[in-house]
Amino acid sequence: SSARPRRLLDTRDSDQRLAAADGP
């Protein structure tokens, strides 16, 4: 239904890194 690129998430914006210890 759509094939136009757009940004959904960038953890650098909040400086909240994805960490294995924190789970998904």
mmCIF file of all heavy atoms, coordinates in Angstrom:
data_MODEL
# 
_entry.id   MODEL 
# 
loop_
_atom_site.group_PDB 
_atom_site.id 
_atom_site.type_symbol 
_atom_site.label_atom_id 
_atom_site.label_alt_id 
_atom_site.label_comp_id 
_atom_site.label_asym_id 
_atom_site.label_entity_id 
_atom_site.label_seq_id 
_atom_site.pdbx_PDB_ins_code 
_atom_site.Cartn_x 
_atom_site.Cartn_y 
_atom_site.Cartn_z 
_atom_site.occupancy 
_atom_site.B_iso_or_equiv 
_atom_site.pdbx_formal_charge 
_atom_site.auth_seq_id 
_atom_site.auth_comp_id 
_atom_site.auth_asym_id 
_atom_site.auth_atom_id 
_atom_site.pdbx_PDB_model_num 
ATOM 1   N N   . SER A 1 1  ? 0.809  -1.211 0.000  1.00 0.00 ? 1  SER A N   1 
ATOM 2   C CA  . SER A 1 1  ? 0.000  0.000  0.000  1.00 0.00 ? 1  SER A CA  1 
ATOM 3   C C   . SER A 1 1  ? 0.844  1.264  0.000  1.00 0.00 ? 1  SER A C   1 
ATOM 4   O O   . SER A 1 1  ? 0.320  2.347  -0.168 1.00 0.00 ? 1  SER A O   1 
ATOM 5   C CB  . SER A 1 1  ? -0.962 0.006  1.194  1.00 0.00 ? 1  SER A CB  1 
ATOM 6   O OG  . SER A 1 1  ? -0.277 -0.196 2.401  1.00 0.00 ? 1  SER A OG  1 
ATOM 7   N N   . SER A 1 2  ? 2.129  1.133  0.194  1.00 0.00 ? 2  SER A N   1 
ATOM 8   C CA  . SER A 1 2  ? 2.966  2.332  0.190  1.00 0.00 ? 2  SER A CA  1 
ATOM 9   C C   . SER A 1 2  ? 4.412  1.909  0.098  1.00 0.00 ? 2  SER A C   1 
ATOM 10  O O   . SER A 1 2  ? 4.823  0.951  0.710  1.00 0.00 ? 2  SER A O   1 
ATOM 11  C CB  . SER A 1 2  ? 2.748  3.136  1.471  1.00 0.00 ? 2  SER A CB  1 
ATOM 12  O OG  . SER A 1 2  ? 3.874  3.919  1.760  1.00 0.00 ? 2  SER A OG  1 
ATOM 13  N N   . ALA A 1 3  ? 5.177  2.623  -0.697 1.00 0.00 ? 3  ALA A N   1 
ATOM 14  C CA  . ALA A 1 3  ? 6.611  2.329  -0.784 1.00 0.00 ? 3  ALA A CA  1 
ATOM 15  C C   . ALA A 1 3  ? 7.363  3.656  -0.863 1.00 0.00 ? 3  ALA A C   1 
ATOM 16  O O   . ALA A 1 3  ? 8.106  3.916  -1.787 1.00 0.00 ? 3  ALA A O   1 
ATOM 17  C CB  . ALA A 1 3  ? 6.917  1.433  -1.978 1.00 0.00 ? 3  ALA A CB  1 
ATOM 18  N N   . ARG A 1 4  ? 7.104  4.521  0.112  1.00 0.00 ? 4  ARG A N   1 
ATOM 19  C CA  . ARG A 1 4  ? 7.823  5.795  0.192  1.00 0.00 ? 4  ARG A CA  1 
ATOM 20  C C   . ARG A 1 4  ? 8.624  5.820  1.478  1.00 0.00 ? 4  ARG A C   1 
ATOM 21  O O   . ARG A 1 4  ? 8.078  5.603  2.549  1.00 0.00 ? 4  ARG A O   1 
ATOM 22  C CB  . ARG A 1 4  ? 6.840  6.970  0.200  1.00 0.00 ? 4  ARG A CB  1 
ATOM 23  C CG  . ARG A 1 4  ? 6.317  7.265  -1.177 1.00 0.00 ? 4  ARG A CG  1 
ATOM 24  C CD  . ARG A 1 4  ? 6.067  8.738  -1.347 1.00 0.00 ? 4  ARG A CD  1 
ATOM 25  N NE  . ARG A 1 4  ? 5.770  8.977  -2.759 1.00 0.00 ? 4  ARG A NE  1 
ATOM 26  C CZ  . ARG A 1 4  ? 5.564  10.169 -3.262 1.00 0.00 ? 4  ARG A CZ  1 
ATOM 27  N NH1 . ARG A 1 4  ? 5.622  11.228 -2.485 1.00 0.00 ? 4  ARG A NH1 1 
ATOM 28  N NH2 . ARG A 1 4  ? 5.314  10.318 -4.544 1.00 0.00 ? 4  ARG A NH2 1 
ATOM 29  N N   . PRO A 1 5  ? 9.910  6.094  1.396  1.00 0.00 ? 5  PRO A N   1 
ATOM 30  C CA  . PRO A 1 5  ? 10.733 6.044  2.612  1.00 0.00 ? 5  PRO A CA  1 
ATOM 31  C C   . PRO A 1 5  ? 10.409 7.186  3.575  1.00 0.00 ? 5  PRO A C   1 
ATOM 32  O O   . PRO A 1 5  ? 10.178 8.316  3.165  1.00 0.00 ? 5  PRO A O   1 
ATOM 33  C CB  . PRO A 1 5  ? 12.163 6.173  2.080  1.00 0.00 ? 5  PRO A CB  1 
ATOM 34  C CG  . PRO A 1 5  ? 12.029 6.808  0.735  1.00 0.00 ? 5  PRO A CG  1 
ATOM 35  C CD  . PRO A 1 5  ? 10.695 6.429  0.200  1.00 0.00 ? 5  PRO A CD  1 
ATOM 36  N N   . ARG A 1 6  ? 10.339 6.868  4.863  1.00 0.00 ? 6  ARG A N   1 
ATOM 37  C CA  . ARG A 1 6  ? 10.213 7.896  5.887  1.00 0.00 ? 6  ARG A CA  1 
ATOM 38  C C   . ARG A 1 6  ? 10.675 7.334  7.221  1.00 0.00 ? 6  ARG A C   1 
ATOM 39  O O   . ARG A 1 6  ? 10.592 6.129  7.453  1.00 0.00 ? 6  ARG A O   1 
ATOM 40  C CB  . ARG A 1 6  ? 8.799  8.441  5.991  1.00 0.00 ? 6  ARG A CB  1 
ATOM 41  C CG  . ARG A 1 6  ? 7.736  7.407  6.295  1.00 0.00 ? 6  ARG A CG  1 
ATOM 42  C CD  . ARG A 1 6  ? 6.594  7.483  5.302  1.00 0.00 ? 6  ARG A CD  1 
ATOM 43  N NE  . ARG A 1 6  ? 5.487  6.614  5.705  1.00 0.00 ? 6  ARG A NE  1 
ATOM 44  C CZ  . ARG A 1 6  ? 5.078  5.599  4.982  1.00 0.00 ? 6  ARG A CZ  1 
ATOM 45  N NH1 . ARG A 1 6  ? 5.692  5.275  3.875  1.00 0.00 ? 6  ARG A NH1 1 
ATOM 46  N NH2 . ARG A 1 6  ? 4.051  4.876  5.366  1.00 0.00 ? 6  ARG A NH2 1 
ATOM 47  N N   . ARG A 1 7  ? 11.158 8.216  8.090  1.00 0.00 ? 7  ARG A N   1 
ATOM 48  C CA  . ARG A 1 7  ? 11.755 7.784  9.355  1.00 0.00 ? 7  ARG A CA  1 
ATOM 49  C C   . ARG A 1 7  ? 10.690 7.507  10.394 1.00 0.00 ? 7  ARG A C   1 
ATOM 50  O O   . ARG A 1 7  ? 9.752  8.273  10.561 1.00 0.00 ? 7  ARG A O   1 
ATOM 51  C CB  . ARG A 1 7  ? 12.720 8.864  9.839  1.00 0.00 ? 7  ARG A CB  1 
ATOM 52  C CG  . ARG A 1 7  ? 13.433 8.500  11.120 1.00 0.00 ? 7  ARG A CG  1 
ATOM 53  C CD  . ARG A 1 7  ? 14.911 8.820  11.063 1.00 0.00 ? 7  ARG A CD  1 
ATOM 54  N NE  . ARG A 1 7  ? 15.621 7.981  10.100 1.00 0.00 ? 7  ARG A NE  1 
ATOM 55  C CZ  . ARG A 1 7  ? 16.888 8.193  9.719  1.00 0.00 ? 7  ARG A CZ  1 
ATOM 56  N NH1 . ARG A 1 7  ? 17.574 9.216  10.204 1.00 0.00 ? 7  ARG A NH1 1 
ATOM 57  N NH2 . ARG A 1 7  ? 17.453 7.385  8.837  1.00 0.00 ? 7  ARG A NH2 1 
ATOM 58  N N   . LEU A 1 8  ? 10.847 6.390  11.100 1.00 0.00 ? 8  LEU A N   1 
ATOM 59  C CA  . LEU A 1 8  ? 9.931  6.005  12.170 1.00 0.00 ? 8  LEU A CA  1 
ATOM 60  C C   . LEU A 1 8  ? 10.555 6.207  13.550 1.00 0.00 ? 8  LEU A C   1 
ATOM 61  O O   . LEU A 1 8  ? 9.894  6.641  14.483 1.00 0.00 ? 8  LEU A O   1 
ATOM 62  C CB  . LEU A 1 8  ? 9.516  4.536  11.989 1.00 0.00 ? 8  LEU A CB  1 
ATOM 63  C CG  . LEU A 1 8  ? 8.591  3.933  13.033 1.00 0.00 ? 8  LEU A CG  1 
ATOM 64  C CD1 . LEU A 1 8  ? 7.199  4.568  12.963 1.00 0.00 ? 8  LEU A CD1 1 
ATOM 65  C CD2 . LEU A 1 8  ? 8.476  2.418  12.857 1.00 0.00 ? 8  LEU A CD2 1 
ATOM 66  N N   . LEU A 1 9  ? 11.829 5.872  13.687 1.00 0.00 ? 9  LEU A N   1 
ATOM 67  C CA  . LEU A 1 9  ? 12.475 5.877  15.006 1.00 0.00 ? 9  LEU A CA  1 
ATOM 68  C C   . LEU A 1 9  ? 13.961 6.165  14.846 1.00 0.00 ? 9  LEU A C   1 
ATOM 69  O O   . LEU A 1 9  ? 14.599 5.651  13.921 1.00 0.00 ? 9  LEU A O   1 
ATOM 70  C CB  . LEU A 1 9  ? 12.301 4.487  15.665 1.00 0.00 ? 9  LEU A CB  1 
ATOM 71  C CG  . LEU A 1 9  ? 13.118 4.215  16.937 1.00 0.00 ? 9  LEU A CG  1 
ATOM 72  C CD1 . LEU A 1 9  ? 12.505 4.935  18.119 1.00 0.00 ? 9  LEU A CD1 1 
ATOM 73  C CD2 . LEU A 1 9  ? 13.203 2.717  17.211 1.00 0.00 ? 9  LEU A CD2 1 
ATOM 74  N N   . ASP A 1 10 ? 14.512 6.971  15.754 1.00 0.00 ? 10 ASP A N   1 
ATOM 75  C CA  . ASP A 1 10 ? 15.960 7.185  15.827 1.00 0.00 ? 10 ASP A CA  1 
ATOM 76  C C   . ASP A 1 10 ? 16.311 7.356  17.294 1.00 0.00 ? 10 ASP A C   1 
ATOM 77  O O   . ASP A 1 10 ? 16.016 8.391  17.894 1.00 0.00 ? 10 ASP A O   1 
ATOM 78  C CB  . ASP A 1 10 ? 16.366 8.415  15.011 1.00 0.00 ? 10 ASP A CB  1 
ATOM 79  C CG  . ASP A 1 10 ? 17.882 8.577  14.912 1.00 0.00 ? 10 ASP A CG  1 
ATOM 80  O OD1 . ASP A 1 10 ? 18.602 7.969  15.733 1.00 0.00 ? 10 ASP A OD1 1 
ATOM 81  O OD2 . ASP A 1 10 ? 18.342 9.308  14.018 1.00 0.00 ? 10 ASP A OD2 1 
ATOM 82  N N   . THR A 1 11 ? 16.909 6.318  17.889 1.00 0.00 ? 11 THR A N   1 
ATOM 83  C CA  . THR A 1 11 ? 17.186 6.363  19.334 1.00 0.00 ? 11 THR A CA  1 
ATOM 84  C C   . THR A 1 11 ? 18.219 7.433  19.681 1.00 0.00 ? 11 THR A C   1 
ATOM 85  O O   . THR A 1 11 ? 18.329 7.820  20.838 1.00 0.00 ? 11 THR A O   1 
ATOM 86  C CB  . THR A 1 11 ? 17.677 5.002  19.870 1.00 0.00 ? 11 THR A CB  1 
ATOM 87  O OG1 . THR A 1 11 ? 18.913 4.660  19.221 1.00 0.00 ? 11 THR A OG1 1 
ATOM 88  C CG2 . THR A 1 11 ? 16.643 3.909  19.627 1.00 0.00 ? 11 THR A CG2 1 
ATOM 89  N N   . ARG A 1 12 ? 18.937 7.939  18.675 1.00 0.00 ? 12 ARG A N   1 
ATOM 90  C CA  . ARG A 1 12 ? 19.894 9.012  18.955 1.00 0.00 ? 12 ARG A CA  1 
ATOM 91  C C   . ARG A 1 12 ? 19.172 10.295 19.356 1.00 0.00 ? 12 ARG A C   1 
ATOM 92  O O   . ARG A 1 12 ? 19.744 11.134 20.054 1.00 0.00 ? 12 ARG A O   1 
ATOM 93  C CB  . ARG A 1 12 ? 20.788 9.263  17.730 1.00 0.00 ? 12 ARG A CB  1 
ATOM 94  C CG  . ARG A 1 12 ? 21.668 8.070  17.380 1.00 0.00 ? 12 ARG A CG  1 
ATOM 95  C CD  . ARG A 1 12 ? 22.379 8.258  16.054 1.00 0.00 ? 12 ARG A CD  1 
ATOM 96  N NE  . ARG A 1 12 ? 21.432 8.429  14.949 1.00 0.00 ? 12 ARG A NE  1 
ATOM 97  C CZ  . ARG A 1 12 ? 21.801 8.497  13.672 1.00 0.00 ? 12 ARG A CZ  1 
ATOM 98  N NH1 . ARG A 1 12 ? 23.072 8.393  13.350 1.00 0.00 ? 12 ARG A NH1 1 
ATOM 99  N NH2 . ARG A 1 12 ? 20.894 8.653  12.719 1.00 0.00 ? 12 ARG A NH2 1 
ATOM 100 N N   . ASP A 1 13 ? 17.909 10.433 18.934 1.00 0.00 ? 13 ASP A N   1 
ATOM 101 C CA  . ASP A 1 13 ? 17.151 11.642 19.273 1.00 0.00 ? 13 ASP A CA  1 
ATOM 102 C C   . ASP A 1 13 ? 16.927 11.759 20.780 1.00 0.00 ? 13 ASP A C   1 
ATOM 103 O O   . ASP A 1 13 ? 16.891 12.861 21.324 1.00 0.00 ? 13 ASP A O   1 
ATOM 104 C CB  . ASP A 1 13 ? 15.791 11.646 18.563 1.00 0.00 ? 13 ASP A CB  1 
ATOM 105 C CG  . ASP A 1 13 ? 15.930 11.782 17.054 1.00 0.00 ? 13 ASP A CG  1 
ATOM 106 O OD1 . ASP A 1 13 ? 17.010 12.203 16.593 1.00 0.00 ? 13 ASP A OD1 1 
ATOM 107 O OD2 . ASP A 1 13 ? 14.960 11.462 16.335 1.00 0.00 ? 13 ASP A OD2 1 
ATOM 108 N N   . SER A 1 14 ? 16.729 10.611 21.429 1.00 0.00 ? 14 SER A N   1 
ATOM 109 C CA  . SER A 1 14 ? 16.467 10.629 22.880 1.00 0.00 ? 14 SER A CA  1 
ATOM 110 C C   . SER A 1 14 ? 17.659 10.115 23.670 1.00 0.00 ? 14 SER A C   1 
ATOM 111 O O   . SER A 1 14 ? 17.642 10.078 24.891 1.00 0.00 ? 14 SER A O   1 
ATOM 112 C CB  . SER A 1 14 ? 15.257 9.751  23.196 1.00 0.00 ? 14 SER A CB  1 
ATOM 113 O OG  . SER A 1 14 ? 15.520 8.412  22.814 1.00 0.00 ? 14 SER A OG  1 
ATOM 114 N N   . ASP A 1 15 ? 18.700 9.688  22.949 1.00 0.00 ? 15 ASP A N   1 
ATOM 115 C CA  . ASP A 1 15 ? 19.894 9.088  23.556 1.00 0.00 ? 15 ASP A CA  1 
ATOM 116 C C   . ASP A 1 15 ? 19.558 7.876  24.420 1.00 0.00 ? 15 ASP A C   1 
ATOM 117 O O   . ASP A 1 15 ? 20.220 7.598  25.408 1.00 0.00 ? 15 ASP A O   1 
ATOM 118 C CB  . ASP A 1 15 ? 20.693 10.126 24.349 1.00 0.00 ? 15 ASP A CB  1 
ATOM 119 C CG  . ASP A 1 15 ? 22.188 9.772  24.357 1.00 0.00 ? 15 ASP A CG  1 
ATOM 120 O OD1 . ASP A 1 15 ? 22.642 9.187  23.359 1.00 0.00 ? 15 ASP A OD1 1 
ATOM 121 O OD2 . ASP A 1 15 ? 22.883 10.041 25.357 1.00 0.00 ? 15 ASP A OD2 1 
ATOM 122 N N   . GLN A 1 16 ? 18.496 7.156  24.040 1.00 0.00 ? 16 GLN A N   1 
ATOM 123 C CA  . GLN A 1 16 ? 18.137 5.918  24.733 1.00 0.00 ? 16 GLN A CA  1 
ATOM 124 C C   . GLN A 1 16 ? 18.590 4.750  23.879 1.00 0.00 ? 16 GLN A C   1 
ATOM 125 O O   . GLN A 1 16 ? 17.887 4.342  22.958 1.00 0.00 ? 16 GLN A O   1 
ATOM 126 C CB  . GLN A 1 16 ? 16.623 5.853  24.947 1.00 0.00 ? 16 GLN A CB  1 
ATOM 127 C CG  . GLN A 1 16 ? 16.117 6.766  26.030 1.00 0.00 ? 16 GLN A CG  1 
ATOM 128 C CD  . GLN A 1 16 ? 16.582 6.322  27.415 1.00 0.00 ? 16 GLN A CD  1 
ATOM 129 O OE1 . GLN A 1 16 ? 17.443 6.950  28.022 1.00 0.00 ? 16 GLN A OE1 1 
ATOM 130 N NE2 . GLN A 1 16 ? 16.040 5.222  27.896 1.00 0.00 ? 16 GLN A NE2 1 
ATOM 131 N N   . ARG A 1 17 ? 19.772 4.204  24.176 1.00 0.00 ? 17 ARG A N   1 
ATOM 132 C CA  . ARG A 1 17 ? 20.303 3.114  23.379 1.00 0.00 ? 17 ARG A CA  1 
ATOM 133 C C   . ARG A 1 17 ? 19.490 1.833  23.611 1.00 0.00 ? 17 ARG A C   1 
ATOM 134 O O   . ARG A 1 17 ? 18.931 1.628  24.687 1.00 0.00 ? 17 ARG A O   1 
ATOM 135 C CB  . ARG A 1 17 ? 21.771 2.871  23.726 1.00 0.00 ? 17 ARG A CB  1 
ATOM 136 C CG  . ARG A 1 17 ? 22.671 4.020  23.325 1.00 0.00 ? 17 ARG A CG  1 
ATOM 137 C CD  . ARG A 1 17 ? 24.070 3.877  23.943 1.00 0.00 ? 17 ARG A CD  1 
ATOM 138 N NE  . ARG A 1 17 ? 24.773 2.720  23.412 1.00 0.00 ? 17 ARG A NE  1 
ATOM 139 C CZ  . ARG A 1 17 ? 25.508 2.719  22.298 1.00 0.00 ? 17 ARG A CZ  1 
ATOM 140 N NH1 . ARG A 1 17 ? 25.609 3.830  21.583 1.00 0.00 ? 17 ARG A NH1 1 
ATOM 141 N NH2 . ARG A 1 17 ? 26.128 1.635  21.910 1.00 0.00 ? 17 ARG A NH2 1 
ATOM 142 N N   . LEU A 1 18 ? 19.452 0.989  22.585 1.00 0.00 ? 18 LEU A N   1 
ATOM 143 C CA  . LEU A 1 18 ? 18.847 -0.332 22.724 1.00 0.00 ? 18 LEU A CA  1 
ATOM 144 C C   . LEU A 1 18 ? 19.897 -1.239 23.364 1.00 0.00 ? 18 LEU A C   1 
ATOM 145 O O   . LEU A 1 18 ? 20.970 -1.444 22.786 1.00 0.00 ? 18 LEU A O   1 
ATOM 146 C CB  . LEU A 1 18 ? 18.446 -0.870 21.352 1.00 0.00 ? 18 LEU A CB  1 
ATOM 147 C CG  . LEU A 1 18 ? 17.937 -2.304 21.297 1.00 0.00 ? 18 LEU A CG  1 
ATOM 148 C CD1 . LEU A 1 18 ? 16.624 -2.468 22.053 1.00 0.00 ? 18 LEU A CD1 1 
ATOM 149 C CD2 . LEU A 1 18 ? 17.760 -2.757 19.849 1.00 0.00 ? 18 LEU A CD2 1 
ATOM 150 N N   . ALA A 1 19 ? 19.592 -1.764 24.544 1.00 0.00 ? 19 ALA A N   1 
ATOM 151 C CA  . ALA A 1 19 ? 20.554 -2.594 25.272 1.00 0.00 ? 19 ALA A CA  1 
ATOM 152 C C   . ALA A 1 19 ? 19.996 -3.999 25.448 1.00 0.00 ? 19 ALA A C   1 
ATOM 153 O O   . ALA A 1 19 ? 18.807 -4.174 25.737 1.00 0.00 ? 19 ALA A O   1 
ATOM 154 C CB  . ALA A 1 19 ? 20.853 -1.975 26.639 1.00 0.00 ? 19 ALA A CB  1 
ATOM 155 N N   . ALA A 1 20 ? 20.876 -4.988 25.267 1.00 0.00 ? 20 ALA A N   1 
ATOM 156 C CA  . ALA A 1 20 ? 20.447 -6.376 25.422 1.00 0.00 ? 20 ALA A CA  1 
ATOM 157 C C   . ALA A 1 20 ? 19.875 -6.611 26.815 1.00 0.00 ? 20 ALA A C   1 
ATOM 158 O O   . ALA A 1 20 ? 18.879 -7.322 26.984 1.00 0.00 ? 20 ALA A O   1 
ATOM 159 C CB  . ALA A 1 20 ? 21.626 -7.313 25.153 1.00 0.00 ? 20 ALA A CB  1 
ATOM 160 N N   . ALA A 1 21 ? 20.489 -5.975 27.821 1.00 0.00 ? 21 ALA A N   1 
ATOM 161 C CA  . ALA A 1 21 ? 20.066 -6.194 29.204 1.00 0.00 ? 21 ALA A CA  1 
ATOM 162 C C   . ALA A 1 21 ? 18.650 -5.688 29.467 1.00 0.00 ? 21 ALA A C   1 
ATOM 163 O O   . ALA A 1 21 ? 17.973 -6.160 30.383 1.00 0.00 ? 21 ALA A O   1 
ATOM 164 C CB  . ALA A 1 21 ? 21.042 -5.494 30.154 1.00 0.00 ? 21 ALA A CB  1 
ATOM 165 N N   . ASP A 1 22 ? 18.192 -4.737 28.664 1.00 0.00 ? 22 ASP A N   1 
ATOM 166 C CA  . ASP A 1 22 ? 16.867 -4.154 28.879 1.00 0.00 ? 22 ASP A CA  1 
ATOM 167 C C   . ASP A 1 22 ? 15.751 -4.927 28.174 1.00 0.00 ? 22 ASP A C   1 
ATOM 168 O O   . ASP A 1 22 ? 14.575 -4.603 28.343 1.00 0.00 ? 22 ASP A O   1 
ATOM 169 C CB  . ASP A 1 22 ? 16.831 -2.700 28.374 1.00 0.00 ? 22 ASP A CB  1 
ATOM 170 C CG  . ASP A 1 22 ? 17.767 -1.804 29.159 1.00 0.00 ? 22 ASP A CG  1 
ATOM 171 O OD1 . ASP A 1 22 ? 18.119 -2.178 30.299 1.00 0.00 ? 22 ASP A OD1 1 
ATOM 172 O OD2 . ASP A 1 22 ? 18.147 -0.738 28.635 1.00 0.00 ? 22 ASP A OD2 1 
ATOM 173 N N   . GLY A 1 23 ? 16.127 -5.910 27.341 1.00 0.00 ? 23 GLY A N   1 
ATOM 174 C CA  . GLY A 1 23 ? 15.112 -6.645 26.604 1.00 0.00 ? 23 GLY A CA  1 
ATOM 175 C C   . GLY A 1 23 ? 14.663 -5.873 25.372 1.00 0.00 ? 23 GLY A C   1 
ATOM 176 O O   . GLY A 1 23 ? 15.219 -4.831 25.028 1.00 0.00 ? 23 GLY A O   1 
ATOM 177 N N   . PRO A 1 24 ? 13.632 -6.369 24.690 1.00 0.00 ? 24 PRO A N   1 
ATOM 178 C CA  . PRO A 1 24 ? 13.237 -5.767 23.413 1.00 0.00 ? 24 PRO A CA  1 
ATOM 179 C C   . PRO A 1 24 ? 12.614 -4.385 23.572 1.00 0.00 ? 24 PRO A C   1 
ATOM 180 O O   . PRO A 1 24 ? 11.988 -4.079 24.593 1.00 0.00 ? 24 PRO A O   1 
ATOM 181 C CB  . PRO A 1 24 ? 12.219 -6.758 22.842 1.00 0.00 ? 24 PRO A CB  1 
ATOM 182 C CG  . PRO A 1 24 ? 11.761 -7.571 24.001 1.00 0.00 ? 24 PRO A CG  1 
ATOM 183 C CD  . PRO A 1 24 ? 12.869 -7.587 24.995 1.00 0.00 ? 24 PRO A CD  1 
# 
